[in-house]
Each structure stands twice: as structure tokens, then as C-alpha cells.
Amino acid sequence: MNPGMLNKLKKMQKEMMEAQEAIEQKEYFGKASGVTIIMQGTRQVIDVKINPEMLEEVEMLQDAILLATNDALKQIEKESEETMKQFSGGLGGFGF
């Protein structure tokens, strides 16, 4: 492998790591029926906000927590896929 190609790969690897770190530091807000889940890109829940009216309906509250959590996870997954997709285009010449 020539030095130019090796440098290109190292640069791409660095950019991928930086992009992943940016995603991990970002906060994602999953929402459903009076519940907001705030999650970091690391998939760690950092806050839960519940509308007090939801406290009267335990089953609805449970469902809303699940939906809001899954909403935040979907946002993280979508952004991760879109971000990493930009790097896979540059690997075509390497048989990937």
C-alpha cells in the first residue's frame, strides 16, 4: 500500500472517531404522550420528564416511557448510520 493511501486511511479513521465522539456527546430527546426521555449518544438516559397528569394512569405512563425511550434510541441509530455512511463511500477502492 502506498504512503498516500495509508495517510488517507489514517485521516478517514480520525474523522470517523471524531464523528462518533460528536454523536456520543449530543443529547437526544425522545417524546411520547407527556413523557420526555433525554439520552446521550452513548445511549445513557440522563433525564426523564413526566407530565404530572400522567401519574394517574400507570399503564399509559409505562407505555409512554417505553415509546419515548425507543424514540430517542431510533434518533441515535439514524444519526449514527447517516454519519458513518459518509465514510463508507471512500472505501470502495479497498474492496469494502
N, C-alpha and C. Protein backbone atom coordinates (compact mmCIF):
# COMPACT_ATOMS: atom_id res chain seq x y z
N MET A 1 0.84 -1.17 0.00
CA MET A 1 0.00 0.00 0.00
C MET A 1 0.89 1.23 0.00
N ASN A 2 0.58 2.16 -0.87
CA ASN A 2 1.43 3.34 -0.97
C ASN A 2 1.19 4.30 0.21
N PRO A 3 2.17 5.14 0.52
CA PRO A 3 2.06 6.05 1.67
C PRO A 3 0.87 7.01 1.58
N GLY A 4 0.56 7.46 0.39
CA GLY A 4 -0.58 8.37 0.22
C GLY A 4 -1.89 7.72 0.63
N MET A 5 -2.06 6.46 0.25
CA MET A 5 -3.27 5.73 0.58
C MET A 5 -3.34 5.47 2.09
N LEU A 6 -2.21 5.16 2.68
CA LEU A 6 -2.15 4.92 4.12
C LEU A 6 -2.52 6.20 4.89
N ASN A 7 -2.01 7.33 4.43
CA ASN A 7 -2.35 8.61 5.07
C ASN A 7 -3.84 8.92 4.93
N LYS A 8 -4.40 8.59 3.76
CA LYS A 8 -5.83 8.81 3.54
C LYS A 8 -6.65 7.96 4.51
N LEU A 9 -6.25 6.72 4.70
CA LEU A 9 -6.96 5.83 5.63
C LEU A 9 -6.85 6.33 7.07
N LYS A 10 -5.67 6.79 7.47
CA LYS A 10 -5.49 7.31 8.82
C LYS A 10 -6.36 8.54 9.05
N LYS A 11 -6.41 9.42 8.04
CA LYS A 11 -7.23 10.62 8.14
C LYS A 11 -8.71 10.25 8.27
N MET A 12 -9.15 9.28 7.46
CA MET A 12 -10.53 8.85 7.50
C MET A 12 -10.87 8.23 8.85
N GLN A 13 -9.95 7.44 9.39
CA GLN A 13 -10.17 6.83 10.70
C GLN A 13 -10.31 7.91 11.78
N LYS A 14 -9.47 8.92 11.72
CA LYS A 14 -9.53 10.02 12.69
C LYS A 14 -10.87 10.75 12.58
N GLU A 15 -11.31 11.01 11.35
CA GLU A 15 -12.57 11.70 11.14
C GLU A 15 -13.75 10.87 11.63
N MET A 16 -13.68 9.55 11.42
CA MET A 16 -14.74 8.66 11.90
C MET A 16 -14.81 8.69 13.42
N MET A 17 -13.67 8.66 14.09
CA MET A 17 -13.64 8.69 15.54
C MET A 17 -14.19 10.01 16.07
N GLU A 18 -13.84 11.10 15.42
CA GLU A 18 -14.34 12.41 15.82
C GLU A 18 -15.86 12.50 15.63
N ALA A 19 -16.35 11.94 14.53
CA ALA A 19 -17.79 11.95 14.27
C ALA A 19 -18.53 11.12 15.32
N GLN A 20 -17.97 9.97 15.67
CA GLN A 20 -18.59 9.12 16.68
C GLN A 20 -18.60 9.81 18.04
N GLU A 21 -17.52 10.48 18.39
CA GLU A 21 -17.46 11.21 19.66
C GLU A 21 -18.50 12.34 19.69
N ALA A 22 -18.70 13.01 18.56
CA ALA A 22 -19.69 14.08 18.50
C ALA A 22 -21.09 13.53 18.74
N ILE A 23 -21.39 12.38 18.16
CA ILE A 23 -22.68 11.73 18.37
C ILE A 23 -22.85 11.36 19.84
N GLU A 24 -21.80 10.82 20.44
CA GLU A 24 -21.88 10.39 21.84
C GLU A 24 -22.11 11.55 22.79
N GLN A 25 -21.63 12.73 22.45
CA GLN A 25 -21.78 13.90 23.32
C GLN A 25 -23.13 14.60 23.15
N LYS A 26 -23.79 14.35 22.05
CA LYS A 26 -25.05 15.02 21.75
C LYS A 26 -26.18 14.45 22.60
N GLU A 27 -27.18 15.27 22.87
CA GLU A 27 -28.36 14.82 23.60
C GLU A 27 -29.51 14.62 22.62
N TYR A 28 -30.28 13.56 22.85
CA TYR A 28 -31.42 13.21 22.01
C TYR A 28 -32.67 13.21 22.90
N PHE A 29 -33.76 13.75 22.38
CA PHE A 29 -34.99 13.89 23.14
C PHE A 29 -36.06 12.98 22.55
N GLY A 30 -36.37 11.92 23.27
CA GLY A 30 -37.45 11.02 22.86
C GLY A 30 -38.73 11.48 23.55
N LYS A 31 -39.82 11.58 22.79
CA LYS A 31 -41.07 12.10 23.35
C LYS A 31 -42.23 11.19 23.02
N ALA A 32 -43.15 11.07 24.00
CA ALA A 32 -44.38 10.33 23.80
C ALA A 32 -45.36 10.67 24.90
N SER A 33 -46.53 11.15 24.55
CA SER A 33 -47.65 11.35 25.47
C SER A 33 -47.28 11.87 26.86
N GLY A 34 -46.67 13.02 26.94
CA GLY A 34 -46.38 13.62 28.23
C GLY A 34 -45.11 13.14 28.90
N VAL A 35 -44.31 12.35 28.19
CA VAL A 35 -43.03 11.86 28.72
C VAL A 35 -41.93 12.28 27.77
N THR A 36 -40.85 12.79 28.32
CA THR A 36 -39.66 13.12 27.53
C THR A 36 -38.48 12.40 28.16
N ILE A 37 -37.77 11.64 27.35
CA ILE A 37 -36.56 10.96 27.77
C ILE A 37 -35.39 11.68 27.12
N ILE A 38 -34.42 12.10 27.91
CA ILE A 38 -33.22 12.74 27.37
C ILE A 38 -32.09 11.73 27.49
N MET A 39 -31.47 11.45 26.35
CA MET A 39 -30.46 10.40 26.27
C MET A 39 -29.24 10.93 25.54
N GLN A 40 -28.06 10.55 26.00
CA GLN A 40 -26.84 10.90 25.28
C GLN A 40 -26.65 9.89 24.14
N GLY A 41 -25.80 10.26 23.22
CA GLY A 41 -25.49 9.37 22.10
C GLY A 41 -24.85 8.07 22.54
N THR A 42 -24.39 8.00 23.78
CA THR A 42 -23.84 6.76 24.34
C THR A 42 -24.96 5.81 24.74
N ARG A 43 -26.20 6.25 24.56
CA ARG A 43 -27.40 5.51 24.91
C ARG A 43 -27.64 5.48 26.41
N GLN A 44 -27.07 6.42 27.11
CA GLN A 44 -27.28 6.54 28.55
C GLN A 44 -28.40 7.55 28.78
N VAL A 45 -29.42 7.14 29.53
CA VAL A 45 -30.51 8.05 29.87
C VAL A 45 -29.99 9.03 30.90
N ILE A 46 -30.16 10.33 30.63
CA ILE A 46 -29.65 11.33 31.56
C ILE A 46 -30.77 12.11 32.25
N ASP A 47 -32.00 12.01 31.73
CA ASP A 47 -33.11 12.67 32.41
C ASP A 47 -34.43 12.10 31.89
N VAL A 48 -35.43 12.12 32.77
CA VAL A 48 -36.78 11.71 32.42
C VAL A 48 -37.72 12.80 32.93
N LYS A 49 -38.55 13.31 32.03
CA LYS A 49 -39.52 14.33 32.42
C LYS A 49 -40.91 13.75 32.19
N ILE A 50 -41.74 13.84 33.23
CA ILE A 50 -43.08 13.27 33.16
C ILE A 50 -44.10 14.35 33.49
N ASN A 51 -45.08 14.51 32.62
CA ASN A 51 -46.19 15.41 32.88
C ASN A 51 -46.96 14.84 34.08
N PRO A 52 -47.19 15.64 35.12
CA PRO A 52 -47.87 15.14 36.33
C PRO A 52 -49.23 14.50 36.06
N GLU A 53 -49.90 14.91 35.01
CA GLU A 53 -51.19 14.31 34.67
C GLU A 53 -51.05 12.82 34.33
N MET A 54 -49.89 12.43 33.88
CA MET A 54 -49.65 11.02 33.51
C MET A 54 -49.57 10.12 34.74
N LEU A 55 -49.36 10.68 35.91
CA LEU A 55 -49.19 9.87 37.12
C LEU A 55 -50.46 9.12 37.51
N GLU A 56 -51.59 9.57 37.02
CA GLU A 56 -52.86 8.92 37.34
C GLU A 56 -53.09 7.66 36.53
N GLU A 57 -52.42 7.54 35.41
CA GLU A 57 -52.60 6.40 34.51
C GLU A 57 -51.29 5.62 34.39
N VAL A 58 -51.08 4.69 35.30
CA VAL A 58 -49.81 3.97 35.37
C VAL A 58 -49.50 3.23 34.07
N GLU A 59 -50.47 2.53 33.51
CA GLU A 59 -50.21 1.78 32.28
C GLU A 59 -49.86 2.70 31.12
N MET A 60 -50.56 3.81 31.01
CA MET A 60 -50.25 4.77 29.94
C MET A 60 -48.87 5.36 30.16
N LEU A 61 -48.52 5.63 31.41
CA LEU A 61 -47.20 6.17 31.73
C LEU A 61 -46.11 5.18 31.35
N GLN A 62 -46.30 3.93 31.68
CA GLN A 62 -45.32 2.90 31.33
C GLN A 62 -45.14 2.82 29.82
N ASP A 63 -46.25 2.82 29.10
CA ASP A 63 -46.18 2.77 27.63
C ASP A 63 -45.47 4.00 27.07
N ALA A 64 -45.77 5.17 27.64
CA ALA A 64 -45.16 6.41 27.15
C ALA A 64 -43.65 6.41 27.40
N ILE A 65 -43.23 5.88 28.55
CA ILE A 65 -41.79 5.79 28.84
C ILE A 65 -41.10 4.88 27.82
N LEU A 66 -41.70 3.75 27.53
CA LEU A 66 -41.12 2.84 26.53
C LEU A 66 -41.03 3.50 25.16
N LEU A 67 -42.13 4.14 24.75
CA LEU A 67 -42.14 4.79 23.43
C LEU A 67 -41.13 5.92 23.35
N ALA A 68 -41.03 6.73 24.39
CA ALA A 68 -40.09 7.85 24.39
C ALA A 68 -38.65 7.34 24.36
N THR A 69 -38.38 6.29 25.11
CA THR A 69 -37.03 5.70 25.12
C THR A 69 -36.68 5.16 23.74
N ASN A 70 -37.60 4.43 23.15
CA ASN A 70 -37.35 3.89 21.81
C ASN A 70 -37.21 4.99 20.77
N ASP A 71 -37.94 6.08 20.94
CA ASP A 71 -37.82 7.22 20.03
C ASP A 71 -36.41 7.80 20.09
N ALA A 72 -35.89 8.00 21.29
CA ALA A 72 -34.53 8.53 21.43
C ALA A 72 -33.51 7.57 20.84
N LEU A 73 -33.67 6.28 21.08
CA LEU A 73 -32.74 5.29 20.53
C LEU A 73 -32.77 5.28 19.00
N LYS A 74 -33.95 5.41 18.42
CA LYS A 74 -34.05 5.47 16.95
C LYS A 74 -33.33 6.69 16.39
N GLN A 75 -33.44 7.82 17.09
CA GLN A 75 -32.75 9.03 16.64
C GLN A 75 -31.24 8.83 16.65
N ILE A 76 -30.74 8.22 17.70
CA ILE A 76 -29.30 7.97 17.80
C ILE A 76 -28.86 7.02 16.68
N GLU A 77 -29.60 5.96 16.48
CA GLU A 77 -29.26 4.98 15.44
C GLU A 77 -29.27 5.62 14.06
N LYS A 78 -30.30 6.42 13.78
CA LYS A 78 -30.41 7.07 12.47
C LYS A 78 -29.23 8.01 12.23
N GLU A 79 -28.90 8.84 13.23
CA GLU A 79 -27.79 9.77 13.05
C GLU A 79 -26.46 9.03 12.91
N SER A 80 -26.29 7.96 13.67
CA SER A 80 -25.06 7.16 13.57
C SER A 80 -24.91 6.58 12.17
N GLU A 81 -26.00 6.00 11.67
CA GLU A 81 -25.96 5.41 10.33
C GLU A 81 -25.64 6.46 9.27
N GLU A 82 -26.32 7.60 9.35
CA GLU A 82 -26.11 8.65 8.35
C GLU A 82 -24.70 9.21 8.42
N THR A 83 -24.18 9.35 9.62
CA THR A 83 -22.83 9.88 9.79
C THR A 83 -21.79 8.91 9.26
N MET A 84 -21.92 7.65 9.59
CA MET A 84 -20.93 6.66 9.17
C MET A 84 -21.03 6.34 7.68
N LYS A 85 -22.21 6.53 7.11
CA LYS A 85 -22.40 6.27 5.68
C LYS A 85 -21.48 7.14 4.84
N GLN A 86 -21.22 8.37 5.29
CA GLN A 86 -20.37 9.27 4.53
C GLN A 86 -18.94 8.74 4.43
N PHE A 87 -18.54 7.93 5.38
CA PHE A 87 -17.17 7.39 5.35
C PHE A 87 -17.08 6.12 4.50
N SER A 88 -18.14 5.36 4.41
CA SER A 88 -18.08 4.11 3.65
C SER A 88 -17.91 4.37 2.15
N GLY A 89 -18.33 5.54 1.67
CA GLY A 89 -18.15 5.86 0.25
C GLY A 89 -16.70 5.95 -0.15
N GLY A 90 -15.83 6.32 0.76
CA GLY A 90 -14.41 6.45 0.45
C GLY A 90 -13.63 5.17 0.52
N LEU A 91 -14.32 4.06 0.84
CA LEU A 91 -13.62 2.78 0.99
C LEU A 91 -13.83 1.84 -0.20
N GLY A 92 -14.54 2.31 -1.22
CA GLY A 92 -14.86 1.46 -2.35
C GLY A 92 -13.64 0.83 -3.02
N GLY A 93 -12.55 1.53 -3.10
CA GLY A 93 -11.36 1.01 -3.75
C GLY A 93 -10.61 -0.01 -2.93
N PHE A 94 -11.06 -0.27 -1.72
CA PHE A 94 -10.36 -1.22 -0.85
C PHE A 94 -11.10 -2.54 -0.74
N GLY A 95 -12.15 -2.69 -1.53
CA GLY A 95 -12.90 -3.93 -1.51
C GLY A 95 -13.91 -4.02 -0.37
N PHE A 96 -14.26 -2.89 0.22
CA PHE A 96 -15.25 -2.89 1.31
C PHE A 96 -16.61 -2.61 0.74
